[in-house]
Amino acid sequence: MSQLNINLTPQFEKELLEYMKQAKITQKSEAIRQALHEAVEQLKSKKREVDFSRWLGMGLKAPQNPNPRFKTHDDLWEKDKED
């Protein structure tokens, strides 16, 4: 098992001790392991929202077809009606 040494700020230690008290954990190392495990599980179960805002306008930057099959949208739908 690998070892990790950390320096705790007074605020972090206070919060860690509160977590230990609520979780009924007696060792700081076990409390940190448990808290990290809970955080990872929470992140795994969280659904990510997809942000397409960077894609806005990208279609307009693409070159237009120089020889379209249908000149207008109306031509497209009129052709469909004939079939």
PDB file of N, CA and C in Angstrom:
ATOM      1  N   MET A   1       0.852  -1.168   0.000  1.00  0.00           N
ATOM      2  CA  MET A   1       0.000   0.000   0.000  1.00  0.00           C
ATOM      3  C   MET A   1       0.898   1.231   0.000  1.00  0.00           C
ATOM      4  N   SER A   2       0.577   2.195  -0.863  1.00  0.00           N
ATOM      5  CA  SER A   2       1.385   3.416  -0.907  1.00  0.00           C
ATOM      6  C   SER A   2       0.965   4.366   0.210  1.00  0.00           C
ATOM      7  N   GLN A   3       1.843   5.301   0.479  1.00  0.00           N
ATOM      8  CA  GLN A   3       1.618   6.248   1.579  1.00  0.00           C
ATOM      9  C   GLN A   3       1.535   7.651   1.019  1.00  0.00           C
ATOM     10  N   LEU A   4       0.677   8.457   1.618  1.00  0.00           N
ATOM     11  CA  LEU A   4       0.511   9.846   1.233  1.00  0.00           C
ATOM     12  C   LEU A   4       0.635  10.702   2.483  1.00  0.00           C
ATOM     13  N   ASN A   5       1.519  11.667   2.441  1.00  0.00           N
ATOM     14  CA  ASN A   5       1.679  12.605   3.556  1.00  0.00           C
ATOM     15  C   ASN A   5       1.116  13.955   3.132  1.00  0.00           C
ATOM     16  N   ILE A   6       0.252  14.533   3.959  1.00  0.00           N
ATOM     17  CA  ILE A   6      -0.325  15.831   3.633  1.00  0.00           C
ATOM     18  C   ILE A   6      -0.265  16.749   4.845  1.00  0.00           C
ATOM     19  N   ASN A   7      -0.233  18.027   4.564  1.00  0.00           N
ATOM     20  CA  ASN A   7      -0.328  19.043   5.606  1.00  0.00           C
ATOM     21  C   ASN A   7      -1.756  19.568   5.592  1.00  0.00           C
ATOM     22  N   LEU A   8      -2.390  19.565   6.743  1.00  0.00           N
ATOM     23  CA  LEU A   8      -3.773  19.991   6.843  1.00  0.00           C
ATOM     24  C   LEU A   8      -3.862  21.431   7.317  1.00  0.00           C
ATOM     25  N   THR A   9      -4.702  22.194   6.627  1.00  0.00           N
ATOM     26  CA  THR A   9      -4.968  23.539   7.116  1.00  0.00           C
ATOM     27  C   THR A   9      -5.882  23.405   8.329  1.00  0.00           C
ATOM     28  N   PRO A  10      -5.893  24.395   9.197  1.00  0.00           N
ATOM     29  CA  PRO A  10      -6.790  24.314  10.358  1.00  0.00           C
ATOM     30  C   PRO A  10      -8.259  24.126   9.958  1.00  0.00           C
ATOM     31  N   GLN A  11      -8.691  24.785   8.899  1.00  0.00           N
ATOM     32  CA  GLN A  11     -10.076  24.658   8.439  1.00  0.00           C
ATOM     33  C   GLN A  11     -10.357  23.241   7.937  1.00  0.00           C
ATOM     34  N   PHE A  12      -9.419  22.679   7.157  1.00  0.00           N
ATOM     35  CA  PHE A  12      -9.605  21.324   6.652  1.00  0.00           C
ATOM     36  C   PHE A  12      -9.655  20.317   7.803  1.00  0.00           C
ATOM     37  N   GLU A  13      -8.773  20.494   8.762  1.00  0.00           N
ATOM     38  CA  GLU A  13      -8.747  19.571   9.897  1.00  0.00           C
ATOM     39  C   GLU A  13     -10.053  19.656  10.700  1.00  0.00           C
ATOM     40  N   LYS A  14     -10.566  20.854  10.847  1.00  0.00           N
ATOM     41  CA  LYS A  14     -11.835  21.031  11.561  1.00  0.00           C
ATOM     42  C   LYS A  14     -12.961  20.292  10.835  1.00  0.00           C
ATOM     43  N   GLU A  15     -13.013  20.444   9.513  1.00  0.00           N
ATOM     44  CA  GLU A  15     -14.039  19.774   8.720  1.00  0.00           C
ATOM     45  C   GLU A  15     -13.833  18.259   8.716  1.00  0.00           C
ATOM     46  N   LEU A  16     -12.583  17.828   8.692  1.00  0.00           N
ATOM     47  CA  LEU A  16     -12.282  16.401   8.740  1.00  0.00           C
ATOM     48  C   LEU A  16     -12.749  15.794  10.063  1.00  0.00           C
ATOM     49  N   LEU A  17     -12.486  16.485  11.148  1.00  0.00           N
ATOM     50  CA  LEU A  17     -12.918  15.991  12.457  1.00  0.00           C
ATOM     51  C   LEU A  17     -14.445  15.947  12.554  1.00  0.00           C
ATOM     52  N   GLU A  18     -15.116  16.915  11.964  1.00  0.00           N
ATOM     53  CA  GLU A  18     -16.583  16.902  11.939  1.00  0.00           C
ATOM     54  C   GLU A  18     -17.093  15.707  11.128  1.00  0.00           C
ATOM     55  N   TYR A  19     -16.449  15.461   9.974  1.00  0.00           N
ATOM     56  CA  TYR A  19     -16.822  14.297   9.150  1.00  0.00           C
ATOM     57  C   TYR A  19     -16.607  13.005   9.930  1.00  0.00           C
ATOM     58  N   MET A  20     -15.477  12.903  10.616  1.00  0.00           N
ATOM     59  CA  MET A  20     -15.165  11.713  11.397  1.00  0.00           C
ATOM     60  C   MET A  20     -16.214  11.489  12.484  1.00  0.00           C
ATOM     61  N   LYS A  21     -16.628  12.555  13.103  1.00  0.00           N
ATOM     62  CA  LYS A  21     -17.628  12.470  14.169  1.00  0.00           C
ATOM     63  C   LYS A  21     -18.960  11.969  13.614  1.00  0.00           C
ATOM     64  N   GLN A  22     -19.391  12.557  12.495  1.00  0.00           N
ATOM     65  CA  GLN A  22     -20.680  12.170  11.918  1.00  0.00           C
ATOM     66  C   GLN A  22     -20.650  10.759  11.341  1.00  0.00           C
ATOM     67  N   ALA A  23     -19.512  10.360  10.761  1.00  0.00           N
ATOM     68  CA  ALA A  23     -19.398   9.032  10.160  1.00  0.00           C
ATOM     69  C   ALA A  23     -18.938   7.974  11.163  1.00  0.00           C
ATOM     70  N   LYS A  24     -18.653   8.404  12.384  1.00  0.00           N
ATOM     71  CA  LYS A  24     -18.170   7.505  13.442  1.00  0.00           C
ATOM     72  C   LYS A  24     -16.900   6.773  13.013  1.00  0.00           C
ATOM     73  N   ILE A  25     -15.959   7.560  12.520  1.00  0.00           N
ATOM     74  CA  ILE A  25     -14.658   7.036  12.093  1.00  0.00           C
ATOM     75  C   ILE A  25     -13.609   7.569  13.064  1.00  0.00           C
ATOM     76  N   THR A  26     -12.684   6.700  13.503  1.00  0.00           N
ATOM     77  CA  THR A  26     -11.716   7.111  14.516  1.00  0.00           C
ATOM     78  C   THR A  26     -10.357   7.506  13.945  1.00  0.00           C
ATOM     79  N   GLN A  27     -10.052   7.099  12.724  1.00  0.00           N
ATOM     80  CA  GLN A  27      -8.746   7.410  12.139  1.00  0.00           C
ATOM     81  C   GLN A  27      -8.896   8.404  10.991  1.00  0.00           C
ATOM     82  N   LYS A  28      -8.003   9.387  10.955  1.00  0.00           N
ATOM     83  CA  LYS A  28      -8.063  10.395   9.897  1.00  0.00           C
ATOM     84  C   LYS A  28      -7.851   9.772   8.527  1.00  0.00           C
ATOM     85  N   SER A  29      -6.921   8.834   8.433  1.00  0.00           N
ATOM     86  CA  SER A  29      -6.654   8.222   7.130  1.00  0.00           C
ATOM     87  C   SER A  29      -7.890   7.495   6.600  1.00  0.00           C
ATOM     88  N   GLU A  30      -8.583   6.793   7.465  1.00  0.00           N
ATOM     89  CA  GLU A  30      -9.790   6.077   7.042  1.00  0.00           C
ATOM     90  C   GLU A  30     -10.889   7.067   6.655  1.00  0.00           C
ATOM     91  N   ALA A  31     -10.983   8.168   7.366  1.00  0.00           N
ATOM     92  CA  ALA A  31     -11.986   9.190   7.048  1.00  0.00           C
ATOM     93  C   ALA A  31     -11.720   9.793   5.671  1.00  0.00           C
ATOM     94  N   ILE A  32     -10.468  10.061   5.372  1.00  0.00           N
ATOM     95  CA  ILE A  32     -10.120  10.630   4.064  1.00  0.00           C
ATOM     96  C   ILE A  32     -10.402   9.621   2.961  1.00  0.00           C
ATOM     97  N   ARG A  33     -10.054   8.346   3.174  1.00  0.00           N
ATOM     98  CA  ARG A  33     -10.350   7.310   2.180  1.00  0.00           C
ATOM     99  C   ARG A  33     -11.858   7.220   1.923  1.00  0.00           C
ATOM    100  N   GLN A  34     -12.632   7.208   2.998  1.00  0.00           N
ATOM    101  CA  GLN A  34     -14.080   7.091   2.880  1.00  0.00           C
ATOM    102  C   GLN A  34     -14.674   8.308   2.167  1.00  0.00           C
ATOM    103  N   ALA A  35     -14.234   9.495   2.539  1.00  0.00           N
ATOM    104  CA  ALA A  35     -14.754  10.718   1.918  1.00  0.00           C
ATOM    105  C   ALA A  35     -14.418  10.752   0.424  1.00  0.00           C
ATOM    106  N   LEU A  36     -13.215  10.348   0.077  1.00  0.00           N
ATOM    107  CA  LEU A  36     -12.815  10.328  -1.326  1.00  0.00           C
ATOM    108  C   LEU A  36     -13.632   9.294  -2.103  1.00  0.00           C
ATOM    109  N   HIS A  37     -13.824   8.129  -1.510  1.00  0.00           N
ATOM    110  CA  HIS A  37     -14.628   7.094  -2.156  1.00  0.00           C
ATOM    111  C   HIS A  37     -16.051   7.602  -2.411  1.00  0.00           C
ATOM    112  N   GLU A  38     -16.651   8.248  -1.430  1.00  0.00           N
ATOM    113  CA  GLU A  38     -18.002   8.800  -1.584  1.00  0.00           C
ATOM    114  C   GLU A  38     -18.041   9.861  -2.685  1.00  0.00           C
ATOM    115  N   ALA A  39     -17.015  10.701  -2.741  1.00  0.00           N
ATOM    116  CA  ALA A  39     -16.969  11.754  -3.759  1.00  0.00           C
ATOM    117  C   ALA A  39     -16.878  11.152  -5.160  1.00  0.00           C
ATOM    118  N   VAL A  40     -16.057  10.116  -5.322  1.00  0.00           N
ATOM    119  CA  VAL A  40     -15.912   9.467  -6.633  1.00  0.00           C
ATOM    120  C   VAL A  40     -17.223   8.809  -7.040  1.00  0.00           C
ATOM    121  N   GLU A  41     -17.877   8.121  -6.132  1.00  0.00           N
ATOM    122  CA  GLU A  41     -19.155   7.480  -6.440  1.00  0.00           C
ATOM    123  C   GLU A  41     -20.213   8.515  -6.826  1.00  0.00           C
ATOM    124  N   GLN A  42     -20.211   9.637  -6.142  1.00  0.00           N
ATOM    125  CA  GLN A  42     -21.167  10.691  -6.462  1.00  0.00           C
ATOM    126  C   GLN A  42     -20.913  11.247  -7.861  1.00  0.00           C
ATOM    127  N   LEU A  43     -19.650  11.441  -8.220  1.00  0.00           N
ATOM    128  CA  LEU A  43     -19.320  11.942  -9.552  1.00  0.00           C
ATOM    129  C   LEU A  43     -19.686  10.933 -10.637  1.00  0.00           C
ATOM    130  N   LYS A  44     -19.493   9.658 -10.369  1.00  0.00           N
ATOM    131  CA  LYS A  44     -19.837   8.627 -11.348  1.00  0.00           C
ATOM    132  C   LYS A  44     -21.330   8.601 -11.630  1.00  0.00           C
ATOM    133  N   SER A  45     -22.131   8.782 -10.601  1.00  0.00           N
ATOM    134  CA  SER A  45     -23.577   8.690 -10.769  1.00  0.00           C
ATOM    135  C   SER A  45     -24.190   9.978 -11.311  1.00  0.00           C
ATOM    136  N   LYS A  46     -23.435  11.053 -11.280  1.00  0.00           N
ATOM    137  CA  LYS A  46     -23.947  12.339 -11.739  1.00  0.00           C
ATOM    138  C   LYS A  46     -24.022  12.346 -13.265  1.00  0.00           C
ATOM    139  N   LYS A  47     -25.170  12.746 -13.783  1.00  0.00           N
ATOM    140  CA  LYS A  47     -25.315  12.838 -15.233  1.00  0.00           C
ATOM    141  C   LYS A  47     -24.653  14.120 -15.705  1.00  0.00           C
ATOM    142  N   ARG A  48     -23.877  13.980 -16.747  1.00  0.00           N
ATOM    143  CA  ARG A  48     -23.213  15.154 -17.305  1.00  0.00           C
ATOM    144  C   ARG A  48     -24.129  15.841 -18.305  1.00  0.00           C
ATOM    145  N   GLU A  49     -24.195  17.143 -18.219  1.00  0.00           N
ATOM    146  CA  GLU A  49     -24.958  17.904 -19.194  1.00  0.00           C
ATOM    147  C   GLU A  49     -24.055  18.182 -20.383  1.00  0.00           C
ATOM    148  N   VAL A  50     -24.599  17.989 -21.560  1.00  0.00           N
ATOM    149  CA  VAL A  50     -23.830  18.234 -22.772  1.00  0.00           C
ATOM    150  C   VAL A  50     -24.021  19.689 -23.165  1.00  0.00           C
ATOM    151  N   ASP A  51     -22.915  20.359 -23.424  1.00  0.00           N
ATOM    152  CA  ASP A  51     -22.953  21.771 -23.790  1.00  0.00           C
ATOM    153  C   ASP A  51     -22.583  21.917 -25.263  1.00  0.00           C
ATOM    154  N   PHE A  52     -23.570  22.227 -26.071  1.00  0.00           N
ATOM    155  CA  PHE A  52     -23.337  22.393 -27.501  1.00  0.00           C
ATOM    156  C   PHE A  52     -23.160  23.859 -27.891  1.00  0.00           C
ATOM    157  N   SER A  53     -23.016  24.735 -26.929  1.00  0.00           N
ATOM    158  CA  SER A  53     -22.959  26.163 -27.237  1.00  0.00           C
ATOM    159  C   SER A  53     -21.778  26.526 -28.135  1.00  0.00           C
ATOM    160  N   ARG A  54     -20.676  25.763 -28.035  1.00  0.00           N
ATOM    161  CA  ARG A  54     -19.527  26.057 -28.898  1.00  0.00           C
ATOM    162  C   ARG A  54     -19.807  25.689 -30.346  1.00  0.00           C
ATOM    163  N   TRP A  55     -20.821  24.867 -30.579  1.00  0.00           N
ATOM    164  CA  TRP A  55     -21.144  24.425 -31.928  1.00  0.00           C
ATOM    165  C   TRP A  55     -22.021  25.422 -32.681  1.00  0.00           C
ATOM    166  N   LEU A  56     -22.617  26.373 -31.950  1.00  0.00           N
ATOM    167  CA  LEU A  56     -23.527  27.312 -32.599  1.00  0.00           C
ATOM    168  C   LEU A  56     -22.823  28.044 -33.738  1.00  0.00           C
ATOM    169  N   GLY A  57     -23.450  28.053 -34.882  1.00  0.00           N
ATOM    170  CA  GLY A  57     -22.907  28.763 -36.037  1.00  0.00           C
ATOM    171  C   GLY A  57     -21.899  27.972 -36.847  1.00  0.00           C
ATOM    172  N   MET A  58     -21.477  26.798 -36.388  1.00  0.00           N
ATOM    173  CA  MET A  58     -20.481  26.031 -37.128  1.00  0.00           C
ATOM    174  C   MET A  58     -21.018  25.576 -38.483  1.00  0.00           C
ATOM    175  N   GLY A  59     -22.299  25.233 -38.559  1.00  0.00           N
ATOM    176  CA  GLY A  59     -22.888  24.807 -39.825  1.00  0.00           C
ATOM    177  C   GLY A  59     -22.878  25.909 -40.868  1.00  0.00           C
ATOM    178  N   LEU A  60     -22.980  27.129 -40.406  1.00  0.00           N
ATOM    179  CA  LEU A  60     -22.975  28.256 -41.342  1.00  0.00           C
ATOM    180  C   LEU A  60     -21.588  28.506 -41.918  1.00  0.00           C
ATOM    181  N   LYS A  61     -20.566  28.020 -41.261  1.00  0.00           N
ATOM    182  CA  LYS A  61     -19.193  28.215 -41.737  1.00  0.00           C
ATOM    183  C   LYS A  61     -18.812  27.206 -42.814  1.00  0.00           C
ATOM    184  N   ALA A  62     -19.573  26.125 -42.919  1.00  0.00           N
ATOM    185  CA  ALA A  62     -19.274  25.101 -43.917  1.00  0.00           C
ATOM    186  C   ALA A  62     -19.589  25.640 -45.306  1.00  0.00           C
ATOM    187  N   PRO A  63     -18.827  25.227 -46.309  1.00  0.00           N
ATOM    188  CA  PRO A  63     -19.106  25.723 -47.664  1.00  0.00           C
ATOM    189  C   PRO A  63     -20.440  25.170 -48.169  1.00  0.00           C
ATOM    190  N   GLN A  64     -21.141  25.982 -48.930  1.00  0.00           N
ATOM    191  CA  GLN A  64     -22.429  25.596 -49.504  1.00  0.00           C
ATOM    192  C   GLN A  64     -22.184  24.694 -50.718  1.00  0.00           C
ATOM    193  N   ASN A  65     -23.137  23.841 -51.026  1.00  0.00           N
ATOM    194  CA  ASN A  65     -23.052  22.974 -52.195  1.00  0.00           C
ATOM    195  C   ASN A  65     -23.193  23.834 -53.448  1.00  0.00           C
ATOM    196  N   PRO A  66     -22.196  23.845 -54.327  1.00  0.00           N
ATOM    197  CA  PRO A  66     -22.286  24.702 -55.512  1.00  0.00           C
ATOM    198  C   PRO A  66     -23.323  24.205 -56.523  1.00  0.00           C
ATOM    199  N   ASN A  67     -23.662  22.920 -56.502  1.00  0.00           N
ATOM    200  CA  ASN A  67     -24.631  22.342 -57.437  1.00  0.00           C
ATOM    201  C   ASN A  67     -25.716  21.585 -56.677  1.00  0.00           C
ATOM    202  N   PRO A  68     -26.604  22.299 -55.960  1.00  0.00           N
ATOM    203  CA  PRO A  68     -27.621  21.598 -55.183  1.00  0.00           C
ATOM    204  C   PRO A  68     -28.624  20.889 -56.087  1.00  0.00           C
ATOM    205  N   ARG A  69     -29.110  19.762 -55.622  1.00  0.00           N
ATOM    206  CA  ARG A  69     -30.096  18.997 -56.374  1.00  0.00           C
ATOM    207  C   ARG A  69     -31.417  19.753 -56.459  1.00  0.00           C
ATOM    208  N   PHE A  70     -31.763  20.445 -55.369  1.00  0.00           N
ATOM    209  CA  PHE A  70     -32.986  21.246 -55.321  1.00  0.00           C
ATOM    210  C   PHE A  70     -32.583  22.684 -55.039  1.00  0.00           C
ATOM    211  N   LYS A  71     -33.122  23.609 -55.813  1.00  0.00           N
ATOM    212  CA  LYS A  71     -32.731  25.007 -55.654  1.00  0.00           C
ATOM    213  C   LYS A  71     -33.358  25.650 -54.416  1.00  0.00           C
ATOM    214  N   THR A  72     -34.573  25.219 -54.054  1.00  0.00           N
ATOM    215  CA  THR A  72     -35.252  25.767 -52.879  1.00  0.00           C
ATOM    216  C   THR A  72     -35.856  24.617 -52.081  1.00  0.00           C
ATOM    217  N   HIS A  73     -36.301  24.922 -50.878  1.00  0.00           N
ATOM    218  CA  HIS A  73     -36.991  23.923 -50.062  1.00  0.00           C
ATOM    219  C   HIS A  73     -38.305  23.519 -50.722  1.00  0.00           C
ATOM    220  N   ASP A  74     -38.965  24.479 -51.384  1.00  0.00           N
ATOM    221  CA  ASP A  74     -40.223  24.178 -52.062  1.00  0.00           C
ATOM    222  C   ASP A  74     -40.006  23.143 -53.164  1.00  0.00           C
ATOM    223  N   ASP A  75     -38.910  23.274 -53.914  1.00  0.00           N
ATOM    224  CA  ASP A  75     -38.597  22.300 -54.961  1.00  0.00           C
ATOM    225  C   ASP A  75     -38.423  20.899 -54.362  1.00  0.00           C
ATOM    226  N   LEU A  76     -37.826  20.820 -53.219  1.00  0.00           N
ATOM    227  CA  LEU A  76     -37.618  19.544 -52.549  1.00  0.00           C
ATOM    228  C   LEU A  76     -38.951  18.884 -52.230  1.00  0.00           C
ATOM    229  N   TRP A  77     -39.871  19.641 -51.654  1.00  0.00           N
ATOM    230  CA  TRP A  77     -41.144  19.069 -51.246  1.00  0.00           C
ATOM    231  C   TRP A  77     -42.066  18.816 -52.424  1.00  0.00           C
ATOM    232  N   GLU A  78     -41.981  19.621 -53.478  1.00  0.00           N
ATOM    233  CA  GLU A  78     -42.796  19.375 -54.669  1.00  0.00           C
ATOM    234  C   GLU A  78     -42.370  18.071 -55.328  1.00  0.00           C
ATOM    235  N   LYS A  79     -41.104  17.788 -55.352  1.00  0.00           N
ATOM    236  CA  LYS A  79     -40.591  16.548 -55.920  1.00  0.00           C
ATOM    237  C   LYS A  79     -41.128  15.372 -55.111  1.00  0.00           C
ATOM    238  N   ASP A  80     -41.182  15.508 -53.801  1.00  0.00           N
ATOM    239  CA  ASP A  80     -41.667  14.430 -52.920  1.00  0.00           C
ATOM    240  C   ASP A  80     -43.147  14.150 -53.190  1.00  0.00           C
ATOM    241  N   LYS A  81     -43.940  15.188 -53.502  1.00  0.00           N
ATOM    242  CA  LYS A  81     -45.371  15.028 -53.740  1.00  0.00           C
ATOM    243  C   LYS A  81     -45.634  14.261 -55.042  1.00  0.00           C
ATOM    244  N   GLU A  82     -44.764  14.409 -56.025  1.00  0.00           N
ATOM    245  CA  GLU A  82     -44.939  13.753 -57.321  1.00  0.00           C
ATOM    246  C   GLU A  82     -44.741  12.253 -57.215  1.00  0.00           C
ATOM    247  N   ASP A  83     -43.926  11.790 -56.261  1.00  0.00           N
ATOM    248  CA  ASP A  83     -43.647  10.351 -56.147  1.00  0.00           C
ATOM    249  C   ASP A  83     -44.786   9.631 -55.620  1.00  0.00           C
TER     250      ASP A  83
END
